[in-house]
Amino acid sequence: MASVYVNNLVINAGSDFSQSFTLEASENNSALDLNGYTVESQMRKWAGGSTATTFNAEIVDPPSSGQVLVSLGSTQTTDLKPGRYVYDVLVTDPLGYKNRVIEGMVLVREGVTR
């Protein structure tokens, strides 16, 4: 895992949100086997910001598919202020090594219907 994949997200405040990603092994471009890995993800107004929103992050079954799912429920997105944020997805391998695998911007859009 050498490169960090950049992907921008759009979250509609007050709505459920989910996004899945498929991670690939850099040596052969096949799905990265995530057996024994953990995943975490947060978004912040800027990278050094002290306030974070933590995504529900999970490895999709079977772990050998290389799929990671990040999500927020509607009650979590209701609390988000409209605007731009940054986020990343961090995986930890079975030996404890951490790698940032995905990063990007998040645009939170305010809804009209409540």
PDB file of N, CA and C in Angstrom:
ATOM      1  N   MET A   1       0.848  -1.188   0.000  1.00  0.00           N
ATOM      2  CA  MET A   1       0.000   0.000   0.000  1.00  0.00           C
ATOM      3  C   MET A   1       0.883   1.237   0.000  1.00  0.00           C
ATOM      4  N   ALA A   2       1.176   1.738  -1.157  1.00  0.00           N
ATOM      5  CA  ALA A   2       2.052   2.888  -1.249  1.00  0.00           C
ATOM      6  C   ALA A   2       1.292   4.168  -1.519  1.00  0.00           C
ATOM      7  N   SER A   3       0.329   4.123  -2.403  1.00  0.00           N
ATOM      8  CA  SER A   3      -0.383   5.331  -2.806  1.00  0.00           C
ATOM      9  C   SER A   3      -1.638   5.539  -1.975  1.00  0.00           C
ATOM     10  N   VAL A   4      -1.970   6.803  -1.791  1.00  0.00           N
ATOM     11  CA  VAL A   4      -3.211   7.167  -1.118  1.00  0.00           C
ATOM     12  C   VAL A   4      -4.213   7.547  -2.197  1.00  0.00           C
ATOM     13  N   TYR A   5      -5.344   6.874  -2.211  1.00  0.00           N
ATOM     14  CA  TYR A   5      -6.392   7.138  -3.185  1.00  0.00           C
ATOM     15  C   TYR A   5      -7.160   8.386  -2.763  1.00  0.00           C
ATOM     16  N   VAL A   6      -7.367   9.334  -3.680  1.00  0.00           N
ATOM     17  CA  VAL A   6      -8.100  10.562  -3.390  1.00  0.00           C
ATOM     18  C   VAL A   6      -9.512  10.427  -3.950  1.00  0.00           C
ATOM     19  N   ASN A   7     -10.495  10.615  -3.086  1.00  0.00           N
ATOM     20  CA  ASN A   7     -11.890  10.526  -3.487  1.00  0.00           C
ATOM     21  C   ASN A   7     -12.689  11.558  -2.698  1.00  0.00           C
ATOM     22  N   ASN A   8     -13.392  12.429  -3.400  1.00  0.00           N
ATOM     23  CA  ASN A   8     -14.208  13.447  -2.741  1.00  0.00           C
ATOM     24  C   ASN A   8     -15.624  12.932  -2.522  1.00  0.00           C
ATOM     25  N   LEU A   9     -16.220  13.339  -1.402  1.00  0.00           N
ATOM     26  CA  LEU A   9     -17.546  12.869  -1.006  1.00  0.00           C
ATOM     27  C   LEU A   9     -18.525  14.031  -0.889  1.00  0.00           C
ATOM     28  N   VAL A  10     -19.819  13.729  -1.064  1.00  0.00           N
ATOM     29  CA  VAL A  10     -20.888  14.692  -0.820  1.00  0.00           C
ATOM     30  C   VAL A  10     -21.841  14.056   0.186  1.00  0.00           C
ATOM     31  N   ILE A  11     -22.099  14.772   1.274  1.00  0.00           N
ATOM     32  CA  ILE A  11     -23.030  14.308   2.308  1.00  0.00           C
ATOM     33  C   ILE A  11     -24.171  15.308   2.390  1.00  0.00           C
ATOM     34  N   ASN A  12     -25.396  14.811   2.295  1.00  0.00           N
ATOM     35  CA  ASN A  12     -26.572  15.657   2.460  1.00  0.00           C
ATOM     36  C   ASN A  12     -26.981  15.617   3.928  1.00  0.00           C
ATOM     37  N   ALA A  13     -26.927  16.774   4.592  1.00  0.00           N
ATOM     38  CA  ALA A  13     -27.258  16.847   6.015  1.00  0.00           C
ATOM     39  C   ALA A  13     -28.672  16.330   6.245  1.00  0.00           C
ATOM     40  N   GLY A  14     -28.836  15.518   7.289  1.00  0.00           N
ATOM     41  CA  GLY A  14     -30.136  14.963   7.628  1.00  0.00           C
ATOM     42  C   GLY A  14     -30.463  13.670   6.907  1.00  0.00           C
ATOM     43  N   SER A  15     -29.552  13.181   6.073  1.00  0.00           N
ATOM     44  CA  SER A  15     -29.766  11.939   5.331  1.00  0.00           C
ATOM     45  C   SER A  15     -28.747  10.892   5.753  1.00  0.00           C
ATOM     46  N   ASP A  16     -29.105   9.630   5.552  1.00  0.00           N
ATOM     47  CA  ASP A  16     -28.135   8.563   5.758  1.00  0.00           C
ATOM     48  C   ASP A  16     -27.076   8.648   4.670  1.00  0.00           C
ATOM     49  N   PHE A  17     -25.846   8.320   5.024  1.00  0.00           N
ATOM     50  CA  PHE A  17     -24.735   8.367   4.074  1.00  0.00           C
ATOM     51  C   PHE A  17     -23.925   7.089   4.185  1.00  0.00           C
ATOM     52  N   SER A  18     -23.521   6.548   3.041  1.00  0.00           N
ATOM     53  CA  SER A  18     -22.564   5.437   3.038  1.00  0.00           C
ATOM     54  C   SER A  18     -21.783   5.455   1.730  1.00  0.00           C
ATOM     55  N   GLN A  19     -20.546   5.007   1.820  1.00  0.00           N
ATOM     56  CA  GLN A  19     -19.668   4.921   0.649  1.00  0.00           C
ATOM     57  C   GLN A  19     -18.767   3.714   0.845  1.00  0.00           C
ATOM     58  N   SER A  20     -18.668   2.875  -0.172  1.00  0.00           N
ATOM     59  CA  SER A  20     -17.764   1.733  -0.093  1.00  0.00           C
ATOM     60  C   SER A  20     -16.575   1.955  -1.015  1.00  0.00           C
ATOM     61  N   PHE A  21     -15.460   1.370  -0.643  1.00  0.00           N
ATOM     62  CA  PHE A  21     -14.226   1.448  -1.400  1.00  0.00           C
ATOM     63  C   PHE A  21     -13.641   0.043  -1.502  1.00  0.00           C
ATOM     64  N   THR A  22     -13.005  -0.261  -2.608  1.00  0.00           N
ATOM     65  CA  THR A  22     -12.288  -1.522  -2.757  1.00  0.00           C
ATOM     66  C   THR A  22     -10.796  -1.219  -2.777  1.00  0.00           C
ATOM     67  N   LEU A  23     -10.078  -1.767  -1.817  1.00  0.00           N
ATOM     68  CA  LEU A  23      -8.634  -1.560  -1.723  1.00  0.00           C
ATOM     69  C   LEU A  23      -7.918  -2.645  -2.514  1.00  0.00           C
ATOM     70  N   GLU A  24      -6.865  -2.246  -3.224  1.00  0.00           N
ATOM     71  CA  GLU A  24      -6.092  -3.187  -4.034  1.00  0.00           C
ATOM     72  C   GLU A  24      -4.672  -3.313  -3.499  1.00  0.00           C
ATOM     73  N   ALA A  25      -4.128  -4.515  -3.632  1.00  0.00           N
ATOM     74  CA  ALA A  25      -2.725  -4.750  -3.279  1.00  0.00           C
ATOM     75  C   ALA A  25      -1.849  -4.111  -4.350  1.00  0.00           C
ATOM     76  N   SER A  26      -0.848  -3.358  -3.946  1.00  0.00           N
ATOM     77  CA  SER A  26      -0.021  -2.620  -4.913  1.00  0.00           C
ATOM     78  C   SER A  26       0.837  -3.535  -5.780  1.00  0.00           C
ATOM     79  N   GLU A  27       1.168  -4.721  -5.291  1.00  0.00           N
ATOM     80  CA  GLU A  27       2.062  -5.581  -6.057  1.00  0.00           C
ATOM     81  C   GLU A  27       1.382  -6.305  -7.219  1.00  0.00           C
ATOM     82  N   ASN A  28       0.047  -6.524  -7.143  1.00  0.00           N
ATOM     83  CA  ASN A  28      -0.599  -7.248  -8.235  1.00  0.00           C
ATOM     84  C   ASN A  28      -1.982  -6.707  -8.620  1.00  0.00           C
ATOM     85  N   ASN A  29      -2.380  -5.605  -8.072  1.00  0.00           N
ATOM     86  CA  ASN A  29      -3.661  -4.954  -8.374  1.00  0.00           C
ATOM     87  C   ASN A  29      -4.887  -5.831  -8.133  1.00  0.00           C
ATOM     88  N   SER A  30      -4.755  -6.856  -7.300  1.00  0.00           N
ATOM     89  CA  SER A  30      -5.919  -7.653  -6.912  1.00  0.00           C
ATOM     90  C   SER A  30      -6.450  -7.087  -5.593  1.00  0.00           C
ATOM     91  N   ALA A  31      -7.636  -7.522  -5.199  1.00  0.00           N
ATOM     92  CA  ALA A  31      -8.233  -7.036  -3.956  1.00  0.00           C
ATOM     93  C   ALA A  31      -7.293  -7.325  -2.783  1.00  0.00           C
ATOM     94  N   LEU A  32      -7.109  -6.338  -1.923  1.00  0.00           N
ATOM     95  CA  LEU A  32      -6.262  -6.493  -0.747  1.00  0.00           C
ATOM     96  C   LEU A  32      -6.989  -7.337   0.285  1.00  0.00           C
ATOM     97  N   ASP A  33      -6.387  -8.418   0.721  1.00  0.00           N
ATOM     98  CA  ASP A  33      -6.995  -9.281   1.734  1.00  0.00           C
ATOM     99  C   ASP A  33      -6.897  -8.575   3.084  1.00  0.00           C
ATOM    100  N   LEU A  34      -8.036  -8.201   3.641  1.00  0.00           N
ATOM    101  CA  LEU A  34      -8.079  -7.420   4.877  1.00  0.00           C
ATOM    102  C   LEU A  34      -8.299  -8.280   6.124  1.00  0.00           C
ATOM    103  N   ASN A  35      -8.049  -9.577   6.027  1.00  0.00           N
ATOM    104  CA  ASN A  35      -8.152 -10.447   7.202  1.00  0.00           C
ATOM    105  C   ASN A  35      -7.184  -9.956   8.266  1.00  0.00           C
ATOM    106  N   GLY A  36      -7.700  -9.731   9.485  1.00  0.00           N
ATOM    107  CA  GLY A  36      -6.877  -9.267  10.594  1.00  0.00           C
ATOM    108  C   GLY A  36      -6.656  -7.769  10.642  1.00  0.00           C
ATOM    109  N   TYR A  37      -7.156  -7.028   9.655  1.00  0.00           N
ATOM    110  CA  TYR A  37      -7.010  -5.569   9.618  1.00  0.00           C
ATOM    111  C   TYR A  37      -8.143  -4.909  10.405  1.00  0.00           C
ATOM    112  N   THR A  38      -7.913  -3.668  10.806  1.00  0.00           N
ATOM    113  CA  THR A  38      -8.976  -2.816  11.341  1.00  0.00           C
ATOM    114  C   THR A  38      -9.001  -1.543  10.510  1.00  0.00           C
ATOM    115  N   VAL A  39     -10.111  -0.824  10.572  1.00  0.00           N
ATOM    116  CA  VAL A  39     -10.259   0.393   9.777  1.00  0.00           C
ATOM    117  C   VAL A  39     -10.913   1.471  10.637  1.00  0.00           C
ATOM    118  N   GLU A  40     -10.505   2.719  10.406  1.00  0.00           N
ATOM    119  CA  GLU A  40     -11.113   3.860  11.085  1.00  0.00           C
ATOM    120  C   GLU A  40     -11.107   5.050  10.131  1.00  0.00           C
ATOM    121  N   SER A  41     -12.031   5.974  10.365  1.00  0.00           N
ATOM    122  CA  SER A  41     -12.150   7.123   9.471  1.00  0.00           C
ATOM    123  C   SER A  41     -12.788   8.293  10.206  1.00  0.00           C
ATOM    124  N   GLN A  42     -12.268   9.488   9.927  1.00  0.00           N
ATOM    125  CA  GLN A  42     -12.804  10.717  10.519  1.00  0.00           C
ATOM    126  C   GLN A  42     -12.825  11.828   9.483  1.00  0.00           C
ATOM    127  N   MET A  43     -13.691  12.805   9.743  1.00  0.00           N
ATOM    128  CA  MET A  43     -13.680  14.039   8.964  1.00  0.00           C
ATOM    129  C   MET A  43     -13.553  15.205   9.932  1.00  0.00           C
ATOM    130  N   ARG A  44     -12.889  16.262   9.465  1.00  0.00           N
ATOM    131  CA  ARG A  44     -12.682  17.475  10.257  1.00  0.00           C
ATOM    132  C   ARG A  44     -12.788  18.680   9.337  1.00  0.00           C
ATOM    133  N   LYS A  45     -12.999  19.840   9.922  1.00  0.00           N
ATOM    134  CA  LYS A  45     -13.075  21.071   9.131  1.00  0.00           C
ATOM    135  C   LYS A  45     -11.745  21.323   8.416  1.00  0.00           C
ATOM    136  N   TRP A  46     -10.638  21.044   9.073  1.00  0.00           N
ATOM    137  CA  TRP A  46      -9.309  21.079   8.456  1.00  0.00           C
ATOM    138  C   TRP A  46      -8.489  20.015   9.178  1.00  0.00           C
ATOM    139  N   ALA A  47      -7.389  19.592   8.569  1.00  0.00           N
ATOM    140  CA  ALA A  47      -6.626  18.453   9.093  1.00  0.00           C
ATOM    141  C   ALA A  47      -6.199  18.646  10.545  1.00  0.00           C
ATOM    142  N   GLY A  48      -5.860  19.857  10.950  1.00  0.00           N
ATOM    143  CA  GLY A  48      -5.415  20.110  12.319  1.00  0.00           C
ATOM    144  C   GLY A  48      -6.529  20.454  13.280  1.00  0.00           C
ATOM    145  N   GLY A  49      -7.779  20.411  12.825  1.00  0.00           N
ATOM    146  CA  GLY A  49      -8.915  20.768  13.672  1.00  0.00           C
ATOM    147  C   GLY A  49      -9.078  19.825  14.844  1.00  0.00           C
ATOM    148  N   SER A  50      -9.536  20.364  15.972  1.00  0.00           N
ATOM    149  CA  SER A  50      -9.676  19.548  17.179  1.00  0.00           C
ATOM    150  C   SER A  50     -11.009  18.802  17.234  1.00  0.00           C
ATOM    151  N   THR A  51     -12.001  19.243  16.483  1.00  0.00           N
ATOM    152  CA  THR A  51     -13.312  18.597  16.483  1.00  0.00           C
ATOM    153  C   THR A  51     -13.427  17.673  15.287  1.00  0.00           C
ATOM    154  N   ALA A  52     -13.764  16.411  15.558  1.00  0.00           N
ATOM    155  CA  ALA A  52     -13.863  15.420  14.482  1.00  0.00           C
ATOM    156  C   ALA A  52     -15.223  14.749  14.503  1.00  0.00           C
ATOM    157  N   THR A  53     -15.680  14.346  13.336  1.00  0.00           N
ATOM    158  CA  THR A  53     -16.832  13.466  13.198  1.00  0.00           C
ATOM    159  C   THR A  53     -16.277  12.114  12.785  1.00  0.00           C
ATOM    160  N   THR A  54     -16.578  11.096  13.567  1.00  0.00           N
ATOM    161  CA  THR A  54     -16.063   9.764  13.287  1.00  0.00           C
ATOM    162  C   THR A  54     -17.074   8.982  12.464  1.00  0.00           C
ATOM    163  N   PHE A  55     -16.625   8.501  11.315  1.00  0.00           N
ATOM    164  CA  PHE A  55     -17.461   7.647  10.485  1.00  0.00           C
ATOM    165  C   PHE A  55     -17.587   6.273  11.133  1.00  0.00           C
ATOM    166  N   ASN A  56     -18.712   5.606  10.890  1.00  0.00           N
ATOM    167  CA  ASN A  56     -18.817   4.183  11.174  1.00  0.00           C
ATOM    168  C   ASN A  56     -18.013   3.516  10.058  1.00  0.00           C
ATOM    169  N   ALA A  57     -16.919   2.879  10.388  1.00  0.00           N
ATOM    170  CA  ALA A  57     -16.037   2.284   9.380  1.00  0.00           C
ATOM    171  C   ALA A  57     -15.923   0.794   9.649  1.00  0.00           C
ATOM    172  N   GLU A  58     -16.089   0.005   8.582  1.00  0.00           N
ATOM    173  CA  GLU A  58     -16.027  -1.441   8.751  1.00  0.00           C
ATOM    174  C   GLU A  58     -15.443  -2.106   7.512  1.00  0.00           C
ATOM    175  N   ILE A  59     -14.913  -3.276   7.722  1.00  0.00           N
ATOM    176  CA  ILE A  59     -14.437  -4.111   6.629  1.00  0.00           C
ATOM    177  C   ILE A  59     -15.599  -5.009   6.238  1.00  0.00           C
ATOM    178  N   VAL A  60     -15.943  -4.983   4.951  1.00  0.00           N
ATOM    179  CA  VAL A  60     -17.087  -5.743   4.447  1.00  0.00           C
ATOM    180  C   VAL A  60     -16.708  -7.220   4.361  1.00  0.00           C
ATOM    181  N   ASP A  61     -17.640  -8.085   4.730  1.00  0.00           N
ATOM    182  CA  ASP A  61     -17.430  -9.523   4.683  1.00  0.00           C
ATOM    183  C   ASP A  61     -17.608 -10.040   3.257  1.00  0.00           C
ATOM    184  N   PRO A  62     -16.762 -10.854   2.709  1.00  0.00           N
ATOM    185  CA  PRO A  62     -15.564 -11.419   3.325  1.00  0.00           C
ATOM    186  C   PRO A  62     -14.394 -10.437   3.239  1.00  0.00           C
ATOM    187  N   PRO A  63     -13.515 -10.441   4.220  1.00  0.00           N
ATOM    188  CA  PRO A  63     -12.382  -9.511   4.220  1.00  0.00           C
ATOM    189  C   PRO A  63     -11.479  -9.645   2.986  1.00  0.00           C
ATOM    190  N   SER A  64     -11.476 -10.798   2.373  1.00  0.00           N
ATOM    191  CA  SER A  64     -10.630 -11.005   1.192  1.00  0.00           C
ATOM    192  C   SER A  64     -11.098 -10.200  -0.017  1.00  0.00           C
ATOM    193  N   SER A  65     -12.317  -9.607   0.053  1.00  0.00           N
ATOM    194  CA  SER A  65     -12.826  -8.782  -1.050  1.00  0.00           C
ATOM    195  C   SER A  65     -12.163  -7.411  -1.094  1.00  0.00           C
ATOM    196  N   GLY A  66     -11.481  -7.025  -0.009  1.00  0.00           N
ATOM    197  CA  GLY A  66     -10.803  -5.733   0.040  1.00  0.00           C
ATOM    198  C   GLY A  66     -11.727  -4.550   0.194  1.00  0.00           C
ATOM    199  N   GLN A  67     -12.993  -4.784   0.526  1.00  0.00           N
ATOM    200  CA  GLN A  67     -13.953  -3.679   0.605  1.00  0.00           C
ATOM    201  C   GLN A  67     -14.056  -3.100   2.007  1.00  0.00           C
ATOM    202  N   VAL A  68     -14.102  -1.758   2.026  1.00  0.00           N
ATOM    203  CA  VAL A  68     -14.258  -0.982   3.252  1.00  0.00           C
ATOM    204  C   VAL A  68     -15.511  -0.126   3.081  1.00  0.00           C
ATOM    205  N   LEU A  69     -16.325  -0.028   4.133  1.00  0.00           N
ATOM    206  CA  LEU A  69     -17.531   0.778   4.105  1.00  0.00           C
ATOM    207  C   LEU A  69     -17.445   1.841   5.184  1.00  0.00           C
ATOM    208  N   VAL A  70     -17.673   3.110   4.803  1.00  0.00           N
ATOM    209  CA  VAL A  70     -17.785   4.194   5.781  1.00  0.00           C
ATOM    210  C   VAL A  70     -19.200   4.739   5.690  1.00  0.00           C
ATOM    211  N   SER A  71     -19.771   5.084   6.845  1.00  0.00           N
ATOM    212  CA  SER A  71     -21.159   5.552   6.844  1.00  0.00           C
ATOM    213  C   SER A  71     -21.424   6.472   8.026  1.00  0.00           C
ATOM    214  N   LEU A  72     -22.506   7.236   7.882  1.00  0.00           N
ATOM    215  CA  LEU A  72     -23.041   8.084   8.951  1.00  0.00           C
ATOM    216  C   LEU A  72     -24.555   7.960   8.893  1.00  0.00           C
ATOM    217  N   GLY A  73     -25.199   7.877  10.049  1.00  0.00           N
ATOM    218  CA  GLY A  73     -26.653   7.855  10.099  1.00  0.00           C
ATOM    219  C   GLY A  73     -27.221   9.259   9.992  1.00  0.00           C
ATOM    220  N   SER A  74     -28.505   9.333   9.717  1.00  0.00           N
ATOM    221  CA  SER A  74     -29.155  10.642   9.545  1.00  0.00           C
ATOM    222  C   SER A  74     -29.057  11.502  10.798  1.00  0.00           C
ATOM    223  N   THR A  75     -29.070  10.880  11.987  1.00  0.00           N
ATOM    224  CA  THR A  75     -28.938  11.690  13.205  1.00  0.00           C
ATOM    225  C   THR A  75     -27.544  12.302  13.313  1.00  0.00           C
ATOM    226  N   GLN A  76     -26.527  11.614  12.772  1.00  0.00           N
ATOM    227  CA  GLN A  76     -25.169  12.166  12.782  1.00  0.00           C
ATOM    228  C   GLN A  76     -25.024  13.280  11.752  1.00  0.00           C
ATOM    229  N   THR A  77     -25.593  13.098  10.562  1.00  0.00           N
ATOM    230  CA  THR A  77     -25.430  14.111   9.524  1.00  0.00           C
ATOM    231  C   THR A  77     -26.262  15.354   9.804  1.00  0.00           C
ATOM    232  N   THR A  78     -27.323  15.221  10.590  1.00  0.00           N
ATOM    233  CA  THR A  78     -28.132  16.390  10.955  1.00  0.00           C
ATOM    234  C   THR A  78     -27.300  17.400  11.736  1.00  0.00           C
ATOM    235  N   ASP A  79     -26.345  16.906  12.523  1.00  0.00           N
ATOM    236  CA  ASP A  79     -25.514  17.774  13.361  1.00  0.00           C
ATOM    237  C   ASP A  79     -24.370  18.445  12.603  1.00  0.00           C
ATOM    238  N   LEU A  80     -24.155  18.071  11.341  1.00  0.00           N
ATOM    239  CA  LEU A  80     -23.052  18.650  10.567  1.00  0.00           C
ATOM    240  C   LEU A  80     -23.429  20.021  10.019  1.00  0.00           C
ATOM    241  N   LYS A  81     -22.508  20.954  10.128  1.00  0.00           N
ATOM    242  CA  LYS A  81     -22.728  22.276   9.540  1.00  0.00           C
ATOM    243  C   LYS A  81     -22.358  22.207   8.060  1.00  0.00           C
ATOM    244  N   PRO A  82     -23.124  22.868   7.206  1.00  0.00           N
ATOM    245  CA  PRO A  82     -22.797  22.853   5.779  1.00  0.00           C
ATOM    246  C   PRO A  82     -21.416  23.442   5.534  1.00  0.00           C
ATOM    247  N   GLY A  83     -20.758  22.929   4.507  1.00  0.00           N
ATOM    248  CA  GLY A  83     -19.447  23.442   4.146  1.00  0.00           C
ATOM    249  C   GLY A  83     -18.503  22.342   3.730  1.00  0.00           C
ATOM    250  N   ARG A  84     -17.232  22.692   3.633  1.00  0.00           N
ATOM    251  CA  ARG A  84     -16.195  21.753   3.190  1.00  0.00           C
ATOM    252  C   ARG A  84     -15.407  21.224   4.388  1.00  0.00           C
ATOM    253  N   TYR A  85     -15.080  19.961   4.294  1.00  0.00           N
ATOM    254  CA  TYR A  85     -14.301  19.263   5.316  1.00  0.00           C
ATOM    255  C   TYR A  85     -13.245  18.421   4.613  1.00  0.00           C
ATOM    256  N   VAL A  86     -12.343  17.843   5.385  1.00  0.00           N
ATOM    257  CA  VAL A  86     -11.392  16.858   4.875  1.00  0.00           C
ATOM    258  C   VAL A  86     -11.625  15.558   5.645  1.00  0.00           C
ATOM    259  N   TYR A  87     -11.276  14.438   5.012  1.00  0.00           N
ATOM    260  CA  TYR A  87     -11.426  13.147   5.675  1.00  0.00           C
ATOM    261  C   TYR A  87     -10.311  12.219   5.215  1.00  0.00           C
ATOM    262  N   ASP A  88     -10.137  11.145   5.958  1.00  0.00           N
ATOM    263  CA  ASP A  88      -9.269  10.073   5.498  1.00  0.00           C
ATOM    264  C   ASP A  88      -9.741   8.746   6.087  1.00  0.00           C
ATOM    265  N   VAL A  89      -9.223   7.682   5.503  1.00  0.00           N
ATOM    266  CA  VAL A  89      -9.504   6.322   5.959  1.00  0.00           C
ATOM    267  C   VAL A  89      -8.158   5.694   6.283  1.00  0.00           C
ATOM    268  N   LEU A  90      -8.055   5.165   7.486  1.00  0.00           N
ATOM    269  CA  LEU A  90      -6.807   4.600   7.987  1.00  0.00           C
ATOM    270  C   LEU A  90      -7.025   3.113   8.263  1.00  0.00           C
ATOM    271  N   VAL A  91      -6.149   2.256   7.723  1.00  0.00           N
ATOM    272  CA  VAL A  91      -6.220   0.829   8.033  1.00  0.00           C
ATOM    273  C   VAL A  91      -4.999   0.454   8.865  1.00  0.00           C
ATOM    274  N   THR A  92      -5.208  -0.479   9.771  1.00  0.00           N
ATOM    275  CA  THR A  92      -4.128  -1.009  10.597  1.00  0.00           C
ATOM    276  C   THR A  92      -4.003  -2.488  10.291  1.00  0.00           C
ATOM    277  N   ASP A  93      -2.789  -2.922   9.901  1.00  0.00           N
ATOM    278  CA  ASP A  93      -2.591  -4.324   9.543  1.00  0.00           C
ATOM    279  C   ASP A  93      -2.411  -5.170  10.806  1.00  0.00           C
ATOM    280  N   PRO A  94      -2.382  -6.490  10.665  1.00  0.00           N
ATOM    281  CA  PRO A  94      -2.279  -7.362  11.844  1.00  0.00           C
ATOM    282  C   PRO A  94      -1.037  -7.129  12.705  1.00  0.00           C
ATOM    283  N   LEU A  95       0.009  -6.522  12.139  1.00  0.00           N
ATOM    284  CA  LEU A  95       1.223  -6.243  12.914  1.00  0.00           C
ATOM    285  C   LEU A  95       1.186  -4.885  13.604  1.00  0.00           C
ATOM    286  N   GLY A  96       0.100  -4.110  13.380  1.00  0.00           N
ATOM    287  CA  GLY A  96      -0.043  -2.807  14.017  1.00  0.00           C
ATOM    288  C   GLY A  96       0.408  -1.631  13.171  1.00  0.00           C
ATOM    289  N   TYR A  97       0.838  -1.883  11.934  1.00  0.00           N
ATOM    290  CA  TYR A  97       1.251  -0.788  11.057  1.00  0.00           C
ATOM    291  C   TYR A  97       0.027  -0.079  10.498  1.00  0.00           C
ATOM    292  N   LYS A  98       0.029   1.249  10.579  1.00  0.00           N
ATOM    293  CA  LYS A  98      -1.085   2.060  10.109  1.00  0.00           C
ATOM    294  C   LYS A  98      -0.749   2.671   8.757  1.00  0.00           C
ATOM    295  N   ASN A  99      -1.735   2.662   7.852  1.00  0.00           N
ATOM    296  CA  ASN A  99      -1.588   3.264   6.533  1.00  0.00           C
ATOM    297  C   ASN A  99      -2.833   4.058   6.187  1.00  0.00           C
ATOM    298  N   ARG A 100      -2.617   5.291   5.747  1.00  0.00           N
ATOM    299  CA  ARG A 100      -3.731   6.077   5.226  1.00  0.00           C
ATOM    300  C   ARG A 100      -3.936   5.610   3.790  1.00  0.00           C
ATOM    301  N   VAL A 101      -5.121   5.108   3.471  1.00  0.00           N
ATOM    302  CA  VAL A 101      -5.358   4.527   2.152  1.00  0.00           C
ATOM    303  C   VAL A 101      -6.274   5.382   1.281  1.00  0.00           C
ATOM    304  N   ILE A 102      -7.103   6.213   1.898  1.00  0.00           N
ATOM    305  CA  ILE A 102      -8.034   7.065   1.162  1.00  0.00           C
ATOM    306  C   ILE A 102      -8.087   8.415   1.862  1.00  0.00           C
ATOM    307  N   GLU A 103      -8.170   9.487   1.072  1.00  0.00           N
ATOM    308  CA  GLU A 103      -8.334  10.825   1.633  1.00  0.00           C
ATOM    309  C   GLU A 103      -9.080  11.677   0.619  1.00  0.00           C
ATOM    310  N   GLY A 104      -9.579  12.806   1.087  1.00  0.00           N
ATOM    311  CA  GLY A 104     -10.240  13.716   0.169  1.00  0.00           C
ATOM    312  C   GLY A 104     -11.029  14.786   0.894  1.00  0.00           C
ATOM    313  N   MET A 105     -11.828  15.477   0.126  1.00  0.00           N
ATOM    314  CA  MET A 105     -12.698  16.538   0.640  1.00  0.00           C
ATOM    315  C   MET A 105     -14.093  15.978   0.834  1.00  0.00           C
ATOM    316  N   VAL A 106     -14.833  16.570   1.759  1.00  0.00           N
ATOM    317  CA  VAL A 106     -16.246  16.255   1.965  1.00  0.00           C
ATOM    318  C   VAL A 106     -17.017  17.551   1.829  1.00  0.00           C
ATOM    319  N   LEU A 107     -18.022  17.559   0.994  1.00  0.00           N
ATOM    320  CA  LEU A 107     -18.934  18.695   0.893  1.00  0.00           C
ATOM    321  C   LEU A 107     -20.218  18.306   1.609  1.00  0.00           C
ATOM    322  N   VAL A 108     -20.546  19.031   2.678  1.00  0.00           N
ATOM    323  CA  VAL A 108     -21.800  18.817   3.393  1.00  0.00           C
ATOM    324  C   VAL A 108     -22.802  19.834   2.888  1.00  0.00           C
ATOM    325  N   ARG A 109     -23.903  19.326   2.331  1.00  0.00           N
ATOM    326  CA  ARG A 109     -24.947  20.200   1.786  1.00  0.00           C
ATOM    327  C   ARG A 109     -26.134  20.228   2.727  1.00  0.00           C
ATOM    328  N   GLU A 110     -26.634  21.439   2.957  1.00  0.00           N
ATOM    329  CA  GLU A 110     -27.786  21.607   3.839  1.00  0.00           C
ATOM    330  C   GLU A 110     -29.065  21.263   3.091  1.00  0.00           C
ATOM    331  N   GLY A 111     -29.945  20.541   3.764  1.00  0.00           N
ATOM    332  CA  GLY A 111     -31.225  20.186   3.162  1.00  0.00           C
ATOM    333  C   GLY A 111     -32.280  21.243   3.417  1.00  0.00           C
ATOM    334  N   VAL A 112     -33.367  21.141   2.701  1.00  0.00           N
ATOM    335  CA  VAL A 112     -34.482  22.075   2.850  1.00  0.00           C
ATOM    336  C   VAL A 112     -35.602  21.430   3.651  1.00  0.00           C
ATOM    337  N   THR A 113     -35.925  20.184   3.327  1.00  0.00           N
ATOM    338  CA  THR A 113     -37.018  19.467   4.001  1.00  0.00           C
ATOM    339  C   THR A 113     -36.533  18.936   5.332  1.00  0.00           C
ATOM    340  N   ARG A 114     -37.318  19.186   6.389  1.00  0.00           N
ATOM    341  CA  ARG A 114     -36.946  18.728   7.722  1.00  0.00           C
ATOM    342  C   ARG A 114     -38.006  17.839   8.302  1.00  0.00           C
TER     343      ARG A 114
END
